[in-house]
PDB file of N, CA and C in Angstrom:
ATOM      1  N   ARG A   1     141.907 134.243 -31.749  1.00  0.00           N
ATOM      2  CA  ARG A   1     140.674 134.036 -31.029  1.00  0.00           C
ATOM      3  C   ARG A   1     140.987 133.787 -29.570  1.00  0.00           C
ATOM      4  N   LEU A   2     140.201 134.389 -28.699  1.00  0.00           N
ATOM      5  CA  LEU A   2     140.338 134.194 -27.256  1.00  0.00           C
ATOM      6  C   LEU A   2     139.912 132.768 -26.916  1.00  0.00           C
ATOM      7  N   LYS A   3     140.832 131.968 -26.417  1.00  0.00           N
ATOM      8  CA  LYS A   3     140.523 130.568 -26.159  1.00  0.00           C
ATOM      9  C   LYS A   3     140.270 130.244 -24.698  1.00  0.00           C
ATOM     10  N   ASN A   4     140.209 131.269 -23.887  1.00  0.00           N
ATOM     11  CA  ASN A   4     139.829 131.021 -22.504  1.00  0.00           C
ATOM     12  C   ASN A   4     139.180 132.275 -21.941  1.00  0.00           C
ATOM     13  N   GLY A   5     138.395 132.078 -20.944  1.00  0.00           N
ATOM     14  CA  GLY A   5     137.691 133.193 -20.328  1.00  0.00           C
ATOM     15  C   GLY A   5     136.724 132.664 -19.287  1.00  0.00           C
ATOM     16  N   ASN A   6     135.908 133.546 -18.796  1.00  0.00           N
ATOM     17  CA  ASN A   6     134.927 133.197 -17.782  1.00  0.00           C
ATOM     18  C   ASN A   6     133.629 133.887 -18.165  1.00  0.00           C
ATOM     19  N   PHE A   7     132.829 133.211 -18.968  1.00  0.00           N
ATOM     20  CA  PHE A   7     131.625 133.807 -19.544  1.00  0.00           C
ATOM     21  C   PHE A   7     130.387 133.023 -19.126  1.00  0.00           C
ATOM     22  N   ARG A   8     129.232 133.645 -19.340  1.00  0.00           N
ATOM     23  CA  ARG A   8     127.937 132.977 -19.183  1.00  0.00           C
ATOM     24  C   ARG A   8     127.253 132.994 -20.531  1.00  0.00           C
ATOM     25  N   VAL A   9     126.667 131.869 -20.881  1.00  0.00           N
ATOM     26  CA  VAL A   9     125.834 131.785 -22.078  1.00  0.00           C
ATOM     27  C   VAL A   9     124.414 131.564 -21.591  1.00  0.00           C
ATOM     28  N   ASN A  10     123.553 132.526 -21.881  1.00  0.00           N
ATOM     29  CA  ASN A  10     122.146 132.453 -21.489  1.00  0.00           C
ATOM     30  C   ASN A  10     121.318 132.089 -22.710  1.00  0.00           C
ATOM     31  N   PHE A  11     120.477 131.087 -22.551  1.00  0.00           N
ATOM     32  CA  PHE A  11     119.563 130.660 -23.600  1.00  0.00           C
ATOM     33  C   PHE A  11     118.182 131.182 -23.215  1.00  0.00           C
ATOM     34  N   ALA A  12     117.764 132.268 -23.845  1.00  0.00           N
ATOM     35  CA  ALA A  12     116.571 133.011 -23.420  1.00  0.00           C
ATOM     36  C   ALA A  12     115.306 132.154 -23.414  1.00  0.00           C
ATOM     37  N   LYS A  13     115.015 131.477 -24.504  1.00  0.00           N
ATOM     38  CA  LYS A  13     113.772 130.707 -24.591  1.00  0.00           C
ATOM     39  C   LYS A  13     113.820 129.437 -23.755  1.00  0.00           C
ATOM     40  N   SER A  14     114.991 128.886 -23.562  1.00  0.00           N
ATOM     41  CA  SER A  14     115.143 127.652 -22.789  1.00  0.00           C
ATOM     42  C   SER A  14     115.323 127.910 -21.304  1.00  0.00           C
ATOM     43  N   ALA A  15     115.497 129.176 -20.932  1.00  0.00           N
ATOM     44  CA  ALA A  15     115.679 129.586 -19.535  1.00  0.00           C
ATOM     45  C   ALA A  15     116.834 128.849 -18.868  1.00  0.00           C
ATOM     46  N   LYS A  16     117.926 128.686 -19.623  1.00  0.00           N
ATOM     47  CA  LYS A  16     119.126 128.057 -19.072  1.00  0.00           C
ATOM     48  C   LYS A  16     120.283 129.032 -19.169  1.00  0.00           C
ATOM     49  N   SER A  17     121.166 128.947 -18.203  1.00  0.00           N
ATOM     50  CA  SER A  17     122.368 129.765 -18.176  1.00  0.00           C
ATOM     51  C   SER A  17     123.520 128.857 -17.788  1.00  0.00           C
ATOM     52  N   VAL A  18     124.578 128.859 -18.597  1.00  0.00           N
ATOM     53  CA  VAL A  18     125.705 127.960 -18.340  1.00  0.00           C
ATOM     54  C   VAL A  18     127.021 128.719 -18.430  1.00  0.00           C
ATOM     55  N   ALA A  19     128.009 128.198 -17.739  1.00  0.00           N
ATOM     56  CA  ALA A  19     129.349 128.771 -17.796  1.00  0.00           C
ATOM     57  C   ALA A  19     130.027 128.351 -19.087  1.00  0.00           C
ATOM     58  N   ALA A  20     130.871 129.234 -19.613  1.00  0.00           N
ATOM     59  CA  ALA A  20     131.625 128.950 -20.832  1.00  0.00           C
ATOM     60  C   ALA A  20     133.018 129.542 -20.679  1.00  0.00           C
ATOM     61  N   ASP A  21     133.998 128.853 -21.243  1.00  0.00           N
ATOM     62  CA  ASP A  21     135.372 129.343 -21.140  1.00  0.00           C
ATOM     63  C   ASP A  21     135.949 129.791 -22.480  1.00  0.00           C
ATOM     64  N   GLY A  22     135.151 129.769 -23.539  1.00  0.00           N
ATOM     65  CA  GLY A  22     135.615 130.226 -24.846  1.00  0.00           C
ATOM     66  C   GLY A  22     136.229 129.145 -25.709  1.00  0.00           C
ATOM     67  N   ARG A  23     136.303 127.918 -25.208  1.00  0.00           N
ATOM     68  CA  ARG A  23     136.922 126.834 -25.973  1.00  0.00           C
ATOM     69  C   ARG A  23     135.927 126.053 -26.812  1.00  0.00           C
ATOM     70  N   LEU A  24     134.659 126.040 -26.413  1.00  0.00           N
ATOM     71  CA  LEU A  24     133.627 125.318 -27.140  1.00  0.00           C
ATOM     72  C   LEU A  24     132.798 126.286 -27.967  1.00  0.00           C
ATOM     73  N   THR A  25     132.278 125.792 -29.087  1.00  0.00           N
ATOM     74  CA  THR A  25     131.377 126.613 -29.888  1.00  0.00           C
ATOM     75  C   THR A  25     130.047 126.755 -29.152  1.00  0.00           C
ATOM     76  N   LEU A  26     129.262 127.712 -29.579  1.00  0.00           N
ATOM     77  CA  LEU A  26     127.936 127.886 -28.975  1.00  0.00           C
ATOM     78  C   LEU A  26     127.066 126.661 -29.215  1.00  0.00           C
ATOM     79  N   LEU A  27     127.230 125.995 -30.346  1.00  0.00           N
ATOM     80  CA  LEU A  27     126.480 124.767 -30.609  1.00  0.00           C
ATOM     81  C   LEU A  27     126.891 123.666 -29.628  1.00  0.00           C
ATOM     82  N   GLU A  28     128.172 123.509 -29.392  1.00  0.00           N
ATOM     83  CA  GLU A  28     128.648 122.498 -28.441  1.00  0.00           C
ATOM     84  C   GLU A  28     128.164 122.795 -27.028  1.00  0.00           C
ATOM     85  N   ILE A  29     128.165 124.062 -26.652  1.00  0.00           N
ATOM     86  CA  ILE A  29     127.673 124.465 -25.328  1.00  0.00           C
ATOM     87  C   ILE A  29     126.188 124.140 -25.211  1.00  0.00           C
ATOM     88  N   ALA A  30     125.421 124.442 -26.246  1.00  0.00           N
ATOM     89  CA  ALA A  30     123.985 124.150 -26.236  1.00  0.00           C
ATOM     90  C   ALA A  30     123.747 122.649 -26.110  1.00  0.00           C
ATOM     91  N   GLU A  31     124.477 121.863 -26.875  1.00  0.00           N
ATOM     92  CA  GLU A  31     124.299 120.407 -26.819  1.00  0.00           C
ATOM     93  C   GLU A  31     124.605 119.865 -25.426  1.00  0.00           C
ATOM     94  N   LYS A  32     125.692 120.313 -24.818  1.00  0.00           N
ATOM     95  CA  LYS A  32     126.055 119.843 -23.481  1.00  0.00           C
ATOM     96  C   LYS A  32     125.035 120.285 -22.431  1.00  0.00           C
ATOM     97  N   SER A  33     124.276 121.340 -22.727  1.00  0.00           N
ATOM     98  CA  SER A  33     123.298 121.886 -21.782  1.00  0.00           C
ATOM     99  C   SER A  33     121.887 121.390 -22.045  1.00  0.00           C
ATOM    100  N   GLY A  34     121.718 120.572 -23.071  1.00  0.00           N
ATOM    101  CA  GLY A  34     120.388 120.065 -23.401  1.00  0.00           C
ATOM    102  C   GLY A  34     119.506 121.064 -24.110  1.00  0.00           C
ATOM    103  N   VAL A  35     120.117 122.070 -24.731  1.00  0.00           N
ATOM    104  CA  VAL A  35     119.355 123.074 -25.486  1.00  0.00           C
ATOM    105  C   VAL A  35     119.426 122.709 -26.965  1.00  0.00           C
ATOM    106  N   PRO A  36     118.286 122.386 -27.574  1.00  0.00           N
ATOM    107  CA  PRO A  36     118.320 121.961 -28.974  1.00  0.00           C
ATOM    108  C   PRO A  36     118.532 123.126 -29.949  1.00  0.00           C
ATOM    109  N   ILE A  37     119.523 122.971 -30.803  1.00  0.00           N
ATOM    110  CA  ILE A  37     119.746 123.876 -31.932  1.00  0.00           C
ATOM    111  C   ILE A  37     119.880 122.996 -33.163  1.00  0.00           C
ATOM    112  N   ARG A  38     119.053 123.245 -34.154  1.00  0.00           N
ATOM    113  CA  ARG A  38     119.138 122.463 -35.391  1.00  0.00           C
ATOM    114  C   ARG A  38     120.505 122.662 -36.027  1.00  0.00           C
ATOM    115  N   HIS A  39     121.042 121.602 -36.624  1.00  0.00           N
ATOM    116  CA  HIS A  39     122.335 121.699 -37.283  1.00  0.00           C
ATOM    117  C   HIS A  39     122.499 120.546 -38.266  1.00  0.00           C
ATOM    118  N   GLU A  40     123.439 120.695 -39.178  1.00  0.00           N
ATOM    119  CA  GLU A  40     123.771 119.630 -40.119  1.00  0.00           C
ATOM    120  C   GLU A  40     125.270 119.534 -40.327  1.00  0.00           C
ATOM    121  N   CYS A  41     125.879 120.533 -40.971  1.00  0.00           N
ATOM    122  CA  CYS A  41     127.260 120.408 -41.449  1.00  0.00           C
ATOM    123  C   CYS A  41     128.325 120.632 -40.393  1.00  0.00           C
ATOM    124  N   ARG A  42     128.041 121.439 -39.386  1.00  0.00           N
ATOM    125  CA  ARG A  42     128.990 121.806 -38.330  1.00  0.00           C
ATOM    126  C   ARG A  42     130.221 122.557 -38.839  1.00  0.00           C
ATOM    127  N   ASN A  43     130.145 123.147 -40.004  1.00  0.00           N
ATOM    128  CA  ASN A  43     131.300 123.905 -40.501  1.00  0.00           C
ATOM    129  C   ASN A  43     130.918 125.234 -41.140  1.00  0.00           C
ATOM    130  N   GLY A  44     129.736 125.741 -40.853  1.00  0.00           N
ATOM    131  CA  GLY A  44     129.354 127.085 -41.279  1.00  0.00           C
ATOM    132  C   GLY A  44     128.864 127.246 -42.700  1.00  0.00           C
ATOM    133  N   GLN A  45     128.483 126.150 -43.341  1.00  0.00           N
ATOM    134  CA  GLN A  45     128.059 126.261 -44.725  1.00  0.00           C
ATOM    135  C   GLN A  45     126.570 126.047 -44.954  1.00  0.00           C
ATOM    136  N   CYS A  46     125.914 125.275 -44.094  1.00  0.00           N
ATOM    137  CA  CYS A  46     124.507 124.955 -44.367  1.00  0.00           C
ATOM    138  C   CYS A  46     123.531 125.986 -43.815  1.00  0.00           C
ATOM    139  N   GLY A  47     123.888 126.659 -42.726  1.00  0.00           N
ATOM    140  CA  GLY A  47     123.017 127.671 -42.141  1.00  0.00           C
ATOM    141  C   GLY A  47     121.943 127.148 -41.208  1.00  0.00           C
ATOM    142  N   GLU A  48     121.894 125.840 -40.978  1.00  0.00           N
ATOM    143  CA  GLU A  48     120.862 125.260 -40.113  1.00  0.00           C
ATOM    144  C   GLU A  48     120.956 125.742 -38.669  1.00  0.00           C
ATOM    145  N   CYS A  49     122.156 126.064 -38.205  1.00  0.00           N
ATOM    146  CA  CYS A  49     122.339 126.440 -36.798  1.00  0.00           C
ATOM    147  C   CYS A  49     122.318 127.952 -36.588  1.00  0.00           C
ATOM    148  N   MET A  50     121.728 128.676 -37.513  1.00  0.00           N
ATOM    149  CA  MET A  50     121.664 130.133 -37.416  1.00  0.00           C
ATOM    150  C   MET A  50     120.735 130.532 -36.272  1.00  0.00           C
ATOM    151  N   VAL A  51     121.285 131.281 -35.320  1.00  0.00           N
ATOM    152  CA  VAL A  51     120.523 131.770 -34.176  1.00  0.00           C
ATOM    153  C   VAL A  51     120.836 133.248 -33.974  1.00  0.00           C
ATOM    154  N   LYS A  52     119.997 133.913 -33.221  1.00  0.00           N
ATOM    155  CA  LYS A  52     120.195 135.342 -32.977  1.00  0.00           C
ATOM    156  C   LYS A  52     120.831 135.556 -31.606  1.00  0.00           C
ATOM    157  N   CYS A  53     121.847 136.396 -31.598  1.00  0.00           N
ATOM    158  CA  CYS A  53     122.493 136.813 -30.351  1.00  0.00           C
ATOM    159  C   CYS A  53     121.806 138.102 -29.904  1.00  0.00           C
ATOM    160  N   LEU A  54     121.184 138.056 -28.741  1.00  0.00           N
ATOM    161  CA  LEU A  54     120.448 139.205 -28.230  1.00  0.00           C
ATOM    162  C   LEU A  54     121.346 140.176 -27.474  1.00  0.00           C
ATOM    163  N   LYS A  55     122.380 139.627 -26.828  1.00  0.00           N
ATOM    164  CA  LYS A  55     123.312 140.443 -26.043  1.00  0.00           C
ATOM    165  C   LYS A  55     124.680 139.806 -26.087  1.00  0.00           C
ATOM    166  N   GLY A  56     125.701 140.627 -25.977  1.00  0.00           N
ATOM    167  CA  GLY A  56     127.056 140.128 -25.857  1.00  0.00           C
ATOM    168  C   GLY A  56     127.811 140.070 -27.167  1.00  0.00           C
ATOM    169  N   LYS A  57     129.020 139.538 -27.073  1.00  0.00           N
ATOM    170  CA  LYS A  57     129.907 139.460 -28.234  1.00  0.00           C
ATOM    171  C   LYS A  57     130.351 138.029 -28.449  1.00  0.00           C
ATOM    172  N   VAL A  58     130.411 137.659 -29.714  1.00  0.00           N
ATOM    173  CA  VAL A  58     130.919 136.343 -30.089  1.00  0.00           C
ATOM    174  C   VAL A  58     131.966 136.521 -31.175  1.00  0.00           C
ATOM    175  N   GLU A  59     132.794 135.523 -31.289  1.00  0.00           N
ATOM    176  CA  GLU A  59     133.742 135.493 -32.389  1.00  0.00           C
ATOM    177  C   GLU A  59     133.330 134.358 -33.313  1.00  0.00           C
ATOM    178  N   MET A  60     132.972 134.728 -34.545  1.00  0.00           N
ATOM    179  CA  MET A  60     132.560 133.745 -35.531  1.00  0.00           C
ATOM    180  C   MET A  60     133.722 133.518 -36.478  1.00  0.00           C
ATOM    181  N   LEU A  61     134.073 132.263 -36.685  1.00  0.00           N
ATOM    182  CA  LEU A  61     135.165 131.931 -37.583  1.00  0.00           C
ATOM    183  C   LEU A  61     134.833 132.348 -39.009  1.00  0.00           C
ATOM    184  N   ASP A  62     135.856 132.665 -39.777  1.00  0.00           N
ATOM    185  CA  ASP A  62     135.670 133.146 -41.143  1.00  0.00           C
ATOM    186  C   ASP A  62     135.006 132.141 -42.071  1.00  0.00           C
ATOM    187  N   LEU A  63     135.006 130.867 -41.724  1.00  0.00           N
ATOM    188  CA  LEU A  63     134.420 129.885 -42.617  1.00  0.00           C
ATOM    189  C   LEU A  63     132.907 129.951 -42.659  1.00  0.00           C
ATOM    190  N   ALA A  64     132.293 130.693 -41.760  1.00  0.00           N
ATOM    191  CA  ALA A  64     130.835 130.839 -41.746  1.00  0.00           C
ATOM    192  C   ALA A  64     130.374 131.627 -42.959  1.00  0.00           C
ATOM    193  N   GLU A  65     129.491 131.038 -43.708  1.00  0.00           N
ATOM    194  CA  GLU A  65     128.959 131.697 -44.901  1.00  0.00           C
ATOM    195  C   GLU A  65     127.676 132.448 -44.551  1.00  0.00           C
ATOM    196  N   ILE A  66     127.834 133.515 -43.803  1.00  0.00           N
ATOM    197  CA  ILE A  66     126.705 134.357 -43.404  1.00  0.00           C
ATOM    198  C   ILE A  66     127.020 135.771 -43.859  1.00  0.00           C
ATOM    199  N   ASP A  67     126.027 136.429 -44.418  1.00  0.00           N
ATOM    200  CA  ASP A  67     126.305 137.755 -44.990  1.00  0.00           C
ATOM    201  C   ASP A  67     126.360 138.841 -43.917  1.00  0.00           C
ATOM    202  N   ALA A  68     126.948 139.949 -44.278  1.00  0.00           N
ATOM    203  CA  ALA A  68     127.169 141.067 -43.351  1.00  0.00           C
ATOM    204  C   ALA A  68     125.853 141.641 -42.824  1.00  0.00           C
ATOM    205  N   ILE A  69     124.814 141.646 -43.638  1.00  0.00           N
ATOM    206  CA  ILE A  69     123.516 142.184 -43.209  1.00  0.00           C
ATOM    207  C   ILE A  69     122.986 141.376 -42.024  1.00  0.00           C
ATOM    208  N   ASP A  70     123.009 140.041 -42.150  1.00  0.00           N
ATOM    209  CA  ASP A  70     122.533 139.192 -41.055  1.00  0.00           C
ATOM    210  C   ASP A  70     123.441 139.306 -39.827  1.00  0.00           C
ATOM    211  N   ARG A  71     124.738 139.362 -40.031  1.00  0.00           N
ATOM    212  CA  ARG A  71     125.674 139.522 -38.906  1.00  0.00           C
ATOM    213  C   ARG A  71     125.373 140.807 -38.135  1.00  0.00           C
ATOM    214  N   ASN A  72     125.133 141.889 -38.875  1.00  0.00           N
ATOM    215  CA  ASN A  72     124.852 143.174 -38.237  1.00  0.00           C
ATOM    216  C   ASN A  72     123.538 143.172 -37.461  1.00  0.00           C
ATOM    217  N   LYS A  73     122.629 142.264 -37.806  1.00  0.00           N
ATOM    218  CA  LYS A  73     121.353 142.139 -37.093  1.00  0.00           C
ATOM    219  C   LYS A  73     121.451 141.194 -35.900  1.00  0.00           C
ATOM    220  N   GLY A  74     122.654 140.624 -35.671  1.00  0.00           N
ATOM    221  CA  GLY A  74     122.857 139.754 -34.527  1.00  0.00           C
ATOM    222  C   GLY A  74     122.793 138.268 -34.821  1.00  0.00           C
ATOM    223  N   TRP A  75     122.567 137.904 -36.071  1.00  0.00           N
ATOM    224  CA  TRP A  75     122.500 136.491 -36.421  1.00  0.00           C
ATOM    225  C   TRP A  75     123.898 135.901 -36.487  1.00  0.00           C
ATOM    226  N   LEU A  76     124.003 134.631 -36.104  1.00  0.00           N
ATOM    227  CA  LEU A  76     125.283 133.934 -36.156  1.00  0.00           C
ATOM    228  C   LEU A  76     125.049 132.455 -36.412  1.00  0.00           C
ATOM    229  N   PHE A  77     126.114 131.774 -36.790  1.00  0.00           N
ATOM    230  CA  PHE A  77     126.062 130.323 -36.937  1.00  0.00           C
ATOM    231  C   PHE A  77     126.671 129.737 -35.660  1.00  0.00           C
ATOM    232  N   ALA A  78     125.874 129.029 -34.896  1.00  0.00           N
ATOM    233  CA  ALA A  78     126.308 128.508 -33.600  1.00  0.00           C
ATOM    234  C   ALA A  78     127.449 127.502 -33.721  1.00  0.00           C
ATOM    235  N   CYS A  79     127.561 126.832 -34.861  1.00  0.00           N
ATOM    236  CA  CYS A  79     128.585 125.795 -35.020  1.00  0.00           C
ATOM    237  C   CYS A  79     129.995 126.351 -35.131  1.00  0.00           C
ATOM    238  N   CYS A  80     130.135 127.603 -35.468  1.00  0.00           N
ATOM    239  CA  CYS A  80     131.473 128.178 -35.632  1.00  0.00           C
ATOM    240  C   CYS A  80     131.574 129.532 -34.937  1.00  0.00           C
ATOM    241  N   SER A  81     130.820 129.687 -33.838  1.00  0.00           N
ATOM    242  CA  SER A  81     130.864 130.911 -33.037  1.00  0.00           C
ATOM    243  C   SER A  81     131.228 130.566 -31.602  1.00  0.00           C
ATOM    244  N   TYR A  82     132.082 131.397 -31.035  1.00  0.00           N
ATOM    245  CA  TYR A  82     132.584 131.210 -29.683  1.00  0.00           C
ATOM    246  C   TYR A  82     132.260 132.448 -28.858  1.00  0.00           C
ATOM    247  N   PRO A  83     131.853 132.280 -27.607  1.00  0.00           N
ATOM    248  CA  PRO A  83     131.600 133.465 -26.776  1.00  0.00           C
ATOM    249  C   PRO A  83     132.897 134.205 -26.477  1.00  0.00           C
ATOM    250  N   SER A  84     132.832 135.533 -26.558  1.00  0.00           N
ATOM    251  CA  SER A  84     133.978 136.351 -26.157  1.00  0.00           C
ATOM    252  C   SER A  84     133.566 137.348 -25.079  1.00  0.00           C
ATOM    253  N   SER A  85     132.364 137.172 -24.563  1.00  0.00           N
ATOM    254  CA  SER A  85     131.821 137.907 -23.418  1.00  0.00           C
ATOM    255  C   SER A  85     130.631 137.089 -22.931  1.00  0.00           C
ATOM    256  N   ASP A  86     129.921 137.577 -21.946  1.00  0.00           N
ATOM    257  CA  ASP A  86     128.644 136.964 -21.601  1.00  0.00           C
ATOM    258  C   ASP A  86     127.713 137.193 -22.780  1.00  0.00           C
ATOM    259  N   VAL A  87     126.950 136.164 -23.160  1.00  0.00           N
ATOM    260  CA  VAL A  87     126.033 136.296 -24.288  1.00  0.00           C
ATOM    261  C   VAL A  87     124.663 135.758 -23.933  1.00  0.00           C
ATOM    262  N   GLU A  88     123.683 136.267 -24.665  1.00  0.00           N
ATOM    263  CA  GLU A  88     122.318 135.757 -24.563  1.00  0.00           C
ATOM    264  C   GLU A  88     121.853 135.417 -25.967  1.00  0.00           C
ATOM    265  N   LEU A  89     121.429 134.170 -26.136  1.00  0.00           N
ATOM    266  CA  LEU A  89     120.953 133.697 -27.425  1.00  0.00           C
ATOM    267  C   LEU A  89     119.446 133.523 -27.388  1.00  0.00           C
ATOM    268  N   ASP A  90     118.800 133.774 -28.504  1.00  0.00           N
ATOM    269  CA  ASP A  90     117.341 133.647 -28.623  1.00  0.00           C
ATOM    270  C   ASP A  90     116.984 132.198 -28.946  1.00  0.00           C
ATOM    271  N   VAL A  91     117.322 131.323 -28.013  1.00  0.00           N
ATOM    272  CA  VAL A  91     117.081 129.885 -28.189  1.00  0.00           C
ATOM    273  C   VAL A  91     116.454 129.357 -26.913  1.00  0.00           C
TER     274      VAL A  91
END
């Protein structure tokens, strides 16, 4: 996994854009930016932090229990996903 970079994470509904270096999960980035994302387990099993990626690429850890159909539609679990490019989330 790419652990450093120079990316932007845009939160479409919250109208916030923040810098990201690839070390924090999308959930951690949202929390530090004051963007609320529902969550519980923080390890990819409960699905509470499922959000849609509108643009860009993320790397989701294998522990995320999300099916291929949802992944292909842009859905991800924010607790175990890291930006690997500039991204825009539907949050």
